[in-house]
Amino acid sequence: MTAVLDEKLEPIFQDVLRRNPGETEFHRAVHEVLESLGPVLVKYPEFAEKKIIQRICEPERQIIFRVPWQDDKGEIHINRAFRVEFNSALGPYKGGMRFHPSVYLGIIKFLGFEQIFKNALTGLPIGGGKGGSDFDPKGKSDAEIERFCQSLMLELYRHLGEYTDVPAGDIGVGSREIGYLYGQYKRITNRYESGVFTGKGLGWGGSRARTEATGYGTVFFTEEMLKARGDALEGKKVVVSGSGNVAIYAVEKAHELGATVIACSDSGGFIVDEQGINLETLKRIKEVERRRISAYAETHRHARYIAGAESTSIWSVPCDIALPCATQNELTGRDAKTLVENGCIAVAEGANMPTTPDGIRIFQDAGVCFGPGKAANAGGVATSALEMQQNASRDSWTFEYTQKRLQEIMVNIHRNCHETAAEFGTEGDYVLGANITGFIRVAKAMNAMGLI
């Protein structure tokens, strides 16, 4: 964190460090937002007077609890689970649940803090929150996952509600896990409150296009960034990291808009297919067979598979557009330098905070369009909010209508970020534009409600 903060903001950040020791991901997320807020305090001095920033940096509620569960052999395991209900000024807490061994309080707070501004950018009435557990679903049977989800919900249910806190999926939590979690919630509460979870199956309250939304939205945002420069996705070579839900549907939409995605990855390595990633094969391997991405090269002999190593990165593949869609801190300064040298003109984050601070600076200094995650990947939570609308009205929309709403939201997010950046700093600085737009919306609501 080398950027110098405004003199009014530095003490606030130092207080965050003191009150939240060891939570490096959360520290970085806070610092990145604070870097943008100097000019905001000049225009809105009441935000400093009312200590809005200090209040936003402190979660309204942090819930930590143990989750005991039994595996198929009868052995008992204990995991730790979290729900950070960060800010409800604009609506009920909204954010996913992550099941991954790396989960600890600092990661959940970083994700929840980002979620505040991401959700505000959508223009929809949703607050920010996040949750998860250090439980690893990989290698677990359906029965083990069901027992874990049911045990977790025995505690979490009391903190949820369609007007209180509405979780969704994230890494390690798909429609299967949402089904188990929601089923237990329904069982305990004796209420068919379908709006309390999003990412549900289509047959029981889910939204069409929700599965595709984050990946589609990232590509829609990328297209808007290029349009602002008089360019387009058509004919561009694209590299997408990851091969999960977000990455797969980013590949799909990029192809639909005329680009060619030539590489994608998983934790073991990456594949390069200069003819364009075959989406049908990718979906079959990852969604149906649940195999490693190396299997793609077994089917398509012209494709290359490169096993992961520190000296080899998917970002070494020359491309016009880079879409990091895997996990945090996956695109480093070294990777950014390589992408710039190879002619990359745009980067949009499909994951949460996948680019390190030095990487972001390299892109911005080189004039590369850079779409931060809180703007570029907001399509997922936006469509979750649309799912909540459908549940509240006992309605079900078509795929085409939902996708149209998604695209409209992403176009509006881009326009607002672009205009705000021009007003407060540098035109085309989407990091600045996203941080300030989201912050002002939340801050104005908090200011109007008094000391909350």
Protein backbone atom coordinates (compact mmCIF):
# COMPACT_ATOMS: atom_id res chain seq x y z
CA MET A 1 0.00 0.00 0.00
CA THR A 2 2.26 2.80 -1.25
CA ALA A 3 -0.33 5.39 -2.31
CA VAL A 4 -0.43 8.36 0.06
CA LEU A 5 -3.80 9.04 1.65
CA ASP A 6 -5.37 12.44 2.18
CA GLU A 7 -4.35 13.88 5.58
CA LYS A 8 -7.93 13.54 6.83
CA LEU A 9 -8.06 9.89 5.78
CA GLU A 10 -4.71 8.57 7.03
CA PRO A 11 -5.78 8.58 10.74
CA ILE A 12 -8.94 6.71 9.76
CA PHE A 13 -6.89 4.02 8.04
CA GLN A 14 -4.47 3.74 10.94
CA ASP A 15 -7.45 3.19 13.23
CA VAL A 16 -8.71 0.42 10.92
CA LEU A 17 -5.29 -1.27 11.15
CA ARG A 18 -5.30 -0.99 14.94
CA ARG A 19 -8.82 -2.36 15.37
CA ASN A 20 -8.46 -5.19 12.82
CA PRO A 21 -4.96 -6.67 13.26
CA GLY A 22 -3.75 -9.30 10.80
CA GLU A 23 -6.65 -8.91 8.35
CA THR A 24 -4.52 -7.96 5.34
CA GLU A 25 -7.19 -8.44 2.68
CA PHE A 26 -9.58 -6.19 4.58
CA HIS A 27 -6.85 -3.58 5.09
CA ARG A 28 -6.17 -3.47 1.37
CA ALA A 29 -9.84 -3.16 0.45
CA VAL A 30 -10.29 -0.25 2.87
CA HIS A 31 -7.11 1.48 1.69
CA GLU A 32 -8.14 1.21 -1.96
CA VAL A 33 -11.46 2.94 -1.25
CA LEU A 34 -9.92 5.60 1.00
CA GLU A 35 -7.43 6.51 -1.75
CA SER A 36 -10.37 7.80 -3.81
CA LEU A 37 -12.22 9.79 -1.17
CA GLY A 38 -10.10 12.93 -0.69
CA PRO A 39 -12.05 15.04 -3.23
CA VAL A 40 -15.35 13.67 -1.89
CA LEU A 41 -14.72 15.20 1.54
CA VAL A 42 -14.10 18.58 -0.09
CA LYS A 43 -17.50 18.49 -1.80
CA TYR A 44 -19.31 16.82 1.10
CA PRO A 45 -17.67 18.06 4.35
CA GLU A 46 -20.63 16.71 6.33
CA PHE A 47 -19.39 13.17 5.63
CA ALA A 48 -16.26 13.94 7.69
CA GLU A 49 -18.19 15.78 10.40
CA LYS A 50 -20.63 12.87 10.86
CA LYS A 51 -17.77 10.29 10.72
CA ILE A 52 -19.52 8.43 7.88
CA ILE A 53 -16.28 6.78 6.72
CA GLN A 54 -15.44 5.46 10.18
CA ARG A 55 -18.93 3.99 10.47
CA ILE A 56 -18.79 2.37 7.04
CA CYS A 57 -15.46 0.73 7.92
CA GLU A 58 -16.96 -0.92 11.01
CA PRO A 59 -19.41 -3.78 10.30
CA GLU A 60 -22.86 -3.41 11.81
CA ARG A 61 -22.64 -7.04 12.95
CA GLN A 62 -20.06 -9.87 12.89
CA ILE A 63 -21.21 -13.42 13.56
CA ILE A 64 -18.71 -16.24 14.18
CA PHE A 65 -19.71 -19.75 15.17
CA ARG A 66 -18.60 -23.38 15.08
CA VAL A 67 -20.10 -25.95 12.71
CA PRO A 68 -19.78 -29.56 13.93
CA TRP A 69 -20.64 -32.23 11.37
CA GLN A 70 -20.13 -35.95 10.78
CA ASP A 71 -18.58 -37.52 7.68
CA ASP A 72 -19.69 -40.74 6.01
CA LYS A 73 -17.35 -42.79 8.20
CA GLY A 74 -18.83 -41.39 11.39
CA GLU A 75 -15.85 -39.13 12.19
CA ILE A 76 -16.74 -35.74 13.69
CA HIS A 77 -15.28 -32.52 12.23
CA ILE A 78 -15.49 -28.94 13.46
CA ASN A 79 -15.35 -25.99 11.09
CA ARG A 80 -15.68 -22.29 11.71
CA ALA A 81 -18.29 -20.16 9.94
CA PHE A 82 -18.79 -16.42 9.56
CA ARG A 83 -21.43 -13.91 8.53
CA VAL A 84 -20.41 -10.26 8.43
CA GLU A 85 -23.45 -8.02 8.07
CA PHE A 86 -21.58 -4.92 7.02
CA ASN A 87 -24.01 -2.18 6.00
CA SER A 88 -27.80 -2.02 5.58
CA ALA A 89 -28.26 1.68 4.74
CA LEU A 90 -29.61 0.88 1.26
CA GLY A 91 -31.38 -2.41 1.95
CA PRO A 92 -31.03 -5.86 3.53
CA TYR A 93 -27.52 -7.28 3.77
CA LYS A 94 -26.72 -9.05 0.50
CA GLY A 95 -23.70 -11.16 -0.34
CA GLY A 96 -22.56 -14.71 -0.96
CA MET A 97 -21.40 -17.59 1.21
CA ARG A 98 -17.92 -18.97 0.46
CA PHE A 99 -16.80 -22.51 1.40
CA HIS A 100 -13.00 -22.74 1.08
CA PRO A 101 -10.08 -23.64 3.40
CA SER A 102 -8.67 -20.10 3.03
CA VAL A 103 -11.73 -18.48 4.62
CA TYR A 104 -11.13 -16.52 7.81
CA LEU A 105 -12.60 -13.33 9.23
CA GLY A 106 -10.30 -11.00 7.27
CA ILE A 107 -11.34 -12.42 3.90
CA ILE A 108 -15.03 -12.28 4.77
CA LYS A 109 -14.65 -8.65 5.91
CA PHE A 110 -12.79 -7.72 2.73
CA LEU A 111 -15.50 -9.32 0.61
CA GLY A 112 -18.28 -7.75 2.67
CA PHE A 113 -16.68 -4.30 2.49
CA GLU A 114 -16.37 -4.56 -1.30
CA GLN A 115 -19.97 -5.76 -1.43
CA ILE A 116 -21.25 -2.52 0.14
CA PHE A 117 -20.09 -0.44 -2.82
CA LYS A 118 -20.69 -3.06 -5.48
CA ASN A 119 -24.29 -3.42 -4.38
CA ALA A 120 -24.71 0.36 -4.22
CA LEU A 121 -23.45 0.65 -7.80
CA THR A 122 -26.30 -1.55 -9.07
CA GLY A 123 -28.82 1.12 -8.08
CA LEU A 124 -30.95 -1.58 -6.46
CA PRO A 125 -32.06 -1.56 -2.77
CA ILE A 126 -29.50 -3.95 -1.28
CA GLY A 127 -26.95 -3.51 1.49
CA GLY A 128 -23.59 -5.25 1.84
CA GLY A 129 -22.63 -8.45 3.63
CA LYS A 130 -20.69 -11.68 3.17
CA GLY A 131 -20.27 -15.06 4.82
CA GLY A 132 -18.61 -18.42 4.57
CA SER A 133 -16.69 -21.19 6.22
CA ASP A 134 -13.26 -22.83 6.12
CA PHE A 135 -15.06 -26.06 5.11
CA ASP A 136 -13.66 -27.57 1.90
CA PRO A 137 -16.40 -29.17 -0.28
CA LYS A 138 -13.84 -30.78 -2.61
CA GLY A 139 -13.83 -34.56 -2.26
CA LYS A 140 -16.91 -34.56 -0.03
CA SER A 141 -19.96 -36.68 -0.81
CA ASP A 142 -23.37 -35.10 -1.35
CA ALA A 143 -24.46 -36.52 2.02
CA GLU A 144 -21.48 -34.93 3.81
CA ILE A 145 -22.14 -31.56 2.20
CA GLU A 146 -25.81 -31.80 3.12
CA ARG A 147 -24.99 -32.55 6.77
CA PHE A 148 -22.52 -29.67 6.91
CA CYS A 149 -24.99 -27.20 5.37
CA GLN A 150 -27.74 -28.29 7.75
CA SER A 151 -25.46 -27.91 10.77
CA LEU A 152 -24.35 -24.45 9.63
CA MET A 153 -27.95 -23.32 9.13
CA LEU A 154 -28.92 -24.36 12.68
CA GLU A 155 -27.04 -21.25 13.82
CA LEU A 156 -27.18 -18.94 10.81
CA TYR A 157 -30.97 -19.09 10.26
CA ARG A 158 -31.68 -16.77 13.21
CA HIS A 159 -29.74 -13.96 11.52
CA LEU A 160 -31.40 -14.21 8.07
CA GLY A 161 -34.60 -12.99 6.44
CA GLU A 162 -35.73 -11.48 3.14
CA TYR A 163 -35.82 -8.03 4.83
CA THR A 164 -32.73 -8.67 6.98
CA ASP A 165 -29.94 -10.65 5.30
CA VAL A 166 -30.08 -12.52 1.98
CA PRO A 167 -27.12 -14.83 1.24
CA ALA A 168 -26.19 -16.30 -2.14
CA GLY A 169 -23.49 -18.57 -3.52
CA ASP A 170 -19.78 -17.91 -3.97
CA ILE A 171 -16.67 -20.10 -4.29
CA GLY A 172 -17.61 -23.63 -3.19
CA VAL A 173 -21.31 -22.80 -2.90
CA GLY A 174 -23.49 -23.53 -5.93
CA SER A 175 -27.14 -24.45 -6.40
CA ARG A 176 -26.60 -27.78 -4.59
CA GLU A 177 -25.35 -26.07 -1.43
CA ILE A 178 -27.98 -23.30 -1.69
CA GLY A 179 -30.62 -26.04 -1.87
CA TYR A 180 -29.41 -27.71 1.32
CA LEU A 181 -29.07 -24.38 3.14
CA TYR A 182 -32.48 -23.11 2.07
CA GLY A 183 -34.16 -26.44 2.79
CA GLN A 184 -32.89 -26.38 6.36
CA TYR A 185 -33.94 -22.73 6.77
CA LYS A 186 -37.45 -23.63 5.56
CA ARG A 187 -37.54 -26.63 7.87
CA ILE A 188 -36.55 -24.62 10.95
CA THR A 189 -38.71 -21.54 10.32
CA ASN A 190 -41.75 -23.27 8.79
CA ARG A 191 -41.86 -20.51 6.15
CA TYR A 192 -41.56 -20.72 2.37
CA GLU A 193 -39.58 -17.50 2.28
CA SER A 194 -37.91 -17.98 -1.09
CA GLY A 195 -36.47 -14.45 -1.12
CA VAL A 196 -34.12 -15.26 1.76
CA PHE A 197 -31.61 -16.97 -0.56
CA THR A 198 -30.65 -16.25 -4.14
CA GLY A 199 -28.97 -18.53 -6.65
CA LYS A 200 -31.77 -21.07 -6.21
CA GLY A 201 -32.77 -23.68 -8.77
CA LEU A 202 -35.22 -22.58 -11.46
CA GLY A 203 -37.86 -25.00 -10.21
CA TRP A 204 -38.02 -23.40 -6.76
CA GLY A 205 -37.69 -19.65 -7.11
CA GLY A 206 -34.44 -19.16 -8.99
CA SER A 207 -33.86 -16.53 -11.66
CA ARG A 208 -33.10 -17.29 -15.27
CA ALA A 209 -29.71 -15.85 -16.25
CA ARG A 210 -28.45 -15.85 -12.62
CA THR A 211 -25.96 -18.60 -13.43
CA GLU A 212 -24.61 -16.58 -16.35
CA ALA A 213 -24.91 -13.15 -14.77
CA THR A 214 -21.45 -12.47 -13.30
CA GLY A 215 -19.57 -13.63 -16.39
CA TYR A 216 -22.00 -11.94 -18.77
CA GLY A 217 -21.92 -8.72 -16.75
CA THR A 218 -18.11 -8.59 -16.78
CA VAL A 219 -18.11 -8.83 -20.56
CA PHE A 220 -20.90 -6.23 -20.90
CA PHE A 221 -18.79 -3.85 -18.76
CA THR A 222 -15.70 -4.58 -20.87
CA GLU A 223 -17.65 -3.80 -24.04
CA GLU A 224 -18.77 -0.47 -22.57
CA MET A 225 -15.19 0.47 -21.62
CA LEU A 226 -14.09 -0.22 -25.19
CA LYS A 227 -17.03 1.71 -26.64
CA ALA A 228 -16.00 4.73 -24.57
CA ARG A 229 -12.71 4.62 -26.50
CA GLY A 230 -14.38 4.07 -29.87
CA ASP A 231 -13.50 0.36 -29.94
CA ALA A 232 -15.34 -2.96 -29.57
CA LEU A 233 -14.84 -6.55 -28.46
CA GLU A 234 -15.35 -7.94 -31.94
CA GLY A 235 -12.18 -9.46 -33.33
CA LYS A 236 -10.25 -9.24 -30.07
CA LYS A 237 -8.24 -12.07 -28.49
CA VAL A 238 -9.26 -12.68 -24.87
CA VAL A 239 -7.67 -14.58 -21.98
CA VAL A 240 -9.91 -15.61 -19.08
CA SER A 241 -8.46 -16.99 -15.84
CA GLY A 242 -10.45 -19.63 -14.03
CA SER A 243 -12.86 -22.21 -15.42
CA GLY A 244 -15.70 -22.03 -12.94
CA ASN A 245 -19.08 -20.42 -13.30
CA VAL A 246 -17.87 -16.85 -13.86
CA ALA A 247 -15.15 -17.80 -16.32
CA ILE A 248 -17.32 -20.15 -18.38
CA TYR A 249 -20.01 -17.56 -18.97
CA ALA A 250 -17.50 -14.79 -19.60
CA VAL A 251 -16.14 -17.05 -22.36
CA GLU A 252 -19.66 -17.60 -23.69
CA LYS A 253 -20.61 -13.92 -23.86
CA ALA A 254 -17.23 -12.85 -25.25
CA HIS A 255 -17.69 -15.35 -28.10
CA GLU A 256 -21.24 -14.08 -28.71
CA LEU A 257 -19.91 -10.52 -29.05
CA GLY A 258 -17.35 -11.58 -31.65
CA ALA A 259 -14.21 -12.03 -29.58
CA THR A 260 -12.07 -15.18 -29.44
CA VAL A 261 -11.16 -16.55 -26.01
CA ILE A 262 -7.86 -18.37 -26.43
CA ALA A 263 -6.97 -19.43 -22.85
CA CYS A 264 -8.49 -20.31 -19.48
CA SER A 265 -7.22 -22.02 -16.35
CA ASP A 266 -7.75 -23.83 -13.07
CA SER A 267 -5.56 -24.20 -9.99
CA GLY A 268 -3.43 -26.83 -11.73
CA GLY A 269 -2.50 -24.92 -14.89
CA PHE A 270 -3.97 -23.45 -18.05
CA ILE A 271 -4.89 -24.33 -21.62
CA VAL A 272 -4.23 -22.35 -24.78
CA ASP A 273 -6.40 -22.89 -27.85
CA GLU A 274 -5.62 -20.36 -30.57
CA GLN A 275 -8.69 -21.52 -32.52
CA GLY A 276 -10.87 -20.39 -29.61
CA ILE A 277 -11.92 -22.28 -26.48
CA ASN A 278 -14.61 -24.81 -27.35
CA LEU A 279 -17.36 -23.90 -24.91
CA GLU A 280 -19.22 -27.19 -25.19
CA THR A 281 -16.10 -29.14 -24.22
CA LEU A 282 -15.25 -26.73 -21.39
CA LYS A 283 -18.76 -26.98 -19.90
CA ARG A 284 -18.77 -30.77 -20.15
CA ILE A 285 -15.38 -31.12 -18.43
CA LYS A 286 -16.02 -28.62 -15.63
CA GLU A 287 -19.78 -28.72 -15.03
CA VAL A 288 -20.71 -32.32 -15.87
CA GLU A 289 -17.59 -34.45 -15.41
CA ARG A 290 -16.01 -32.11 -12.80
CA ARG A 291 -12.51 -32.86 -14.14
CA ARG A 292 -9.34 -30.77 -14.31
CA ILE A 293 -8.91 -28.44 -17.23
CA SER A 294 -6.00 -30.53 -18.52
CA ALA A 295 -8.67 -32.88 -19.89
CA TYR A 296 -9.46 -30.25 -22.54
CA ALA A 297 -6.14 -30.88 -24.28
CA GLU A 298 -6.93 -34.60 -24.39
CA THR A 299 -10.03 -33.85 -26.47
CA HIS A 300 -8.58 -31.03 -28.60
CA ARG A 301 -5.14 -32.13 -29.74
CA HIS A 302 -4.26 -28.71 -31.17
CA ALA A 303 -4.63 -27.12 -27.72
CA ARG A 304 -1.72 -26.82 -25.29
CA TYR A 305 -1.86 -27.48 -21.56
CA ILE A 306 0.73 -25.78 -19.35
CA ALA A 307 1.00 -27.09 -15.81
CA GLY A 308 1.12 -24.38 -13.15
CA ALA A 309 4.44 -23.05 -11.94
CA GLU A 310 5.59 -19.77 -10.49
CA SER A 311 7.52 -18.98 -13.64
CA THR A 312 4.56 -19.68 -15.91
CA SER A 313 1.31 -17.77 -15.81
CA ILE A 314 -1.78 -17.63 -17.99
CA TRP A 315 -1.09 -13.89 -18.26
CA SER A 316 1.99 -14.68 -20.36
CA VAL A 317 -0.36 -15.57 -23.25
CA PRO A 318 -0.50 -12.53 -25.60
CA CYS A 319 -4.01 -11.06 -25.78
CA ASP A 320 -6.01 -7.88 -26.32
CA ILE A 321 -8.33 -8.36 -23.34
CA ALA A 322 -7.64 -9.97 -19.95
CA LEU A 323 -10.48 -11.10 -17.69
CA PRO A 324 -9.25 -12.36 -14.27
CA CYS A 325 -12.17 -14.51 -13.07
CA ALA A 326 -10.57 -16.87 -10.53
CA THR A 327 -9.67 -15.46 -7.11
CA GLN A 328 -8.03 -12.59 -5.22
CA ASN A 329 -4.43 -11.52 -5.88
CA GLU A 330 -4.04 -13.77 -8.94
CA LEU A 331 -2.75 -11.02 -11.28
CA THR A 332 0.47 -9.49 -9.97
CA GLY A 333 2.55 -6.52 -11.02
CA ARG A 334 4.83 -8.83 -12.98
CA ASP A 335 1.81 -10.27 -14.79
CA ALA A 336 0.48 -6.78 -15.51
CA LYS A 337 3.81 -5.72 -16.99
CA THR A 338 3.79 -8.80 -19.24
CA LEU A 339 0.24 -8.09 -20.41
CA VAL A 340 1.09 -4.47 -21.22
CA GLU A 341 4.23 -5.49 -23.12
CA ASN A 342 2.16 -7.98 -25.13
CA GLY A 343 -0.33 -5.30 -26.20
CA CYS A 344 -3.26 -5.81 -23.80
CA ILE A 345 -5.68 -2.87 -24.04
CA ALA A 346 -8.34 -3.73 -21.44
CA VAL A 347 -8.69 -5.65 -18.17
CA ALA A 348 -11.96 -6.29 -16.32
CA GLU A 349 -12.14 -8.13 -13.00
CA GLY A 350 -14.65 -10.98 -12.95
CA ALA A 351 -13.35 -12.07 -9.52
CA ASN A 352 -13.11 -10.05 -6.30
CA MET A 353 -9.86 -8.07 -6.04
CA PRO A 354 -7.87 -10.41 -8.35
CA THR A 355 -5.35 -7.71 -9.33
CA THR A 356 -2.71 -6.60 -6.84
CA PRO A 357 -2.24 -2.85 -6.20
CA ASP A 358 1.01 -2.69 -8.16
CA GLY A 359 -0.71 -4.45 -11.05
CA ILE A 360 -3.51 -1.88 -11.07
CA ARG A 361 -1.00 0.98 -11.11
CA ILE A 362 0.89 -0.56 -14.02
CA PHE A 363 -2.32 -0.86 -16.05
CA GLN A 364 -3.42 2.69 -15.27
CA ASP A 365 0.03 4.17 -16.00
CA ALA A 366 0.05 2.35 -19.35
CA GLY A 367 -3.40 3.66 -20.30
CA VAL A 368 -5.01 0.21 -20.20
CA CYS A 369 -8.78 0.26 -19.55
CA PHE A 370 -9.15 -1.24 -16.07
CA GLY A 371 -12.56 -2.26 -14.70
CA PRO A 372 -12.38 -3.02 -10.95
CA GLY A 373 -14.39 -5.94 -9.57
CA LYS A 374 -16.88 -3.85 -7.60
CA ALA A 375 -18.08 -2.48 -10.96
CA ALA A 376 -17.16 -5.11 -13.54
CA ASN A 377 -18.48 -8.16 -11.66
CA ALA A 378 -21.56 -6.51 -10.14
CA GLY A 379 -23.80 -8.36 -12.60
CA GLY A 380 -24.06 -11.37 -10.31
CA VAL A 381 -25.43 -9.54 -7.31
CA ALA A 382 -27.57 -7.33 -9.56
CA THR A 383 -29.31 -10.41 -10.92
CA SER A 384 -29.63 -11.77 -7.39
CA ALA A 385 -31.54 -8.59 -6.55
CA LEU A 386 -33.71 -9.20 -9.62
CA GLU A 387 -34.34 -12.71 -8.28
CA MET A 388 -35.48 -11.15 -5.00
CA GLN A 389 -37.90 -8.94 -6.98
CA GLN A 390 -39.38 -11.97 -8.71
CA ASN A 391 -39.75 -13.84 -5.41
CA ALA A 392 -41.46 -10.86 -3.77
CA SER A 393 -43.98 -10.59 -6.63
CA ARG A 394 -44.43 -14.38 -7.02
CA ASP A 395 -43.27 -13.97 -10.62
CA SER A 396 -40.81 -15.60 -13.02
CA TRP A 397 -39.18 -13.69 -15.86
CA THR A 398 -37.84 -15.01 -19.15
CA PHE A 399 -34.12 -15.43 -19.76
CA GLU A 400 -34.23 -12.73 -22.44
CA TYR A 401 -35.94 -10.19 -20.17
CA THR A 402 -33.60 -10.88 -17.25
CA GLN A 403 -30.53 -10.59 -19.48
CA LYS A 404 -31.88 -7.30 -20.86
CA ARG A 405 -32.26 -5.94 -17.32
CA LEU A 406 -28.72 -7.16 -16.51
CA GLN A 407 -27.25 -5.42 -19.53
CA GLU A 408 -29.09 -2.18 -18.71
CA ILE A 409 -27.69 -2.29 -15.17
CA MET A 410 -24.11 -2.87 -16.37
CA VAL A 411 -24.40 -0.05 -18.93
CA ASN A 412 -25.64 2.27 -16.16
CA ILE A 413 -22.83 1.21 -13.82
CA HIS A 414 -20.27 1.98 -16.52
CA ARG A 415 -21.83 5.35 -17.33
CA ASN A 416 -21.99 6.39 -13.66
CA CYS A 417 -18.39 5.33 -12.99
CA HIS A 418 -17.16 7.07 -16.16
CA GLU A 419 -18.99 10.33 -15.37
CA THR A 420 -17.96 10.33 -11.70
CA ALA A 421 -14.31 9.76 -12.59
CA ALA A 422 -14.44 12.73 -14.95
CA GLU A 423 -16.08 14.89 -12.25
CA PHE A 424 -13.71 14.03 -9.40
CA GLY A 425 -10.41 13.20 -11.03
CA THR A 426 -9.31 11.50 -14.22
CA GLU A 427 -11.63 10.50 -17.03
CA GLY A 428 -11.47 6.75 -17.59
CA ASP A 429 -10.27 5.97 -14.04
CA TYR A 430 -12.90 3.35 -13.23
CA VAL A 431 -11.38 2.54 -9.84
CA LEU A 432 -11.91 6.14 -8.74
CA GLY A 433 -15.32 6.30 -10.38
CA ALA A 434 -16.59 3.06 -8.83
CA ASN A 435 -15.33 3.85 -5.33
CA ILE A 436 -16.78 7.35 -5.26
CA THR A 437 -20.12 6.49 -6.88
CA GLY A 438 -20.76 3.61 -4.49
CA PHE A 439 -19.53 5.51 -1.44
CA ILE A 440 -21.64 8.62 -2.08
CA ARG A 441 -24.83 6.56 -2.46
CA VAL A 442 -24.26 4.79 0.85
CA ALA A 443 -23.00 7.90 2.66
CA LYS A 444 -26.01 9.99 1.64
CA ALA A 445 -28.39 7.32 2.93
CA MET A 446 -26.51 7.03 6.23
CA ASN A 447 -26.42 10.80 6.61
CA ALA A 448 -30.17 11.04 6.03
CA MET A 449 -30.93 8.40 8.67
CA GLY A 450 -29.04 10.03 11.50
CA LEU A 451 -26.52 8.29 13.73
CA ILE A 452 -26.82 4.67 12.56
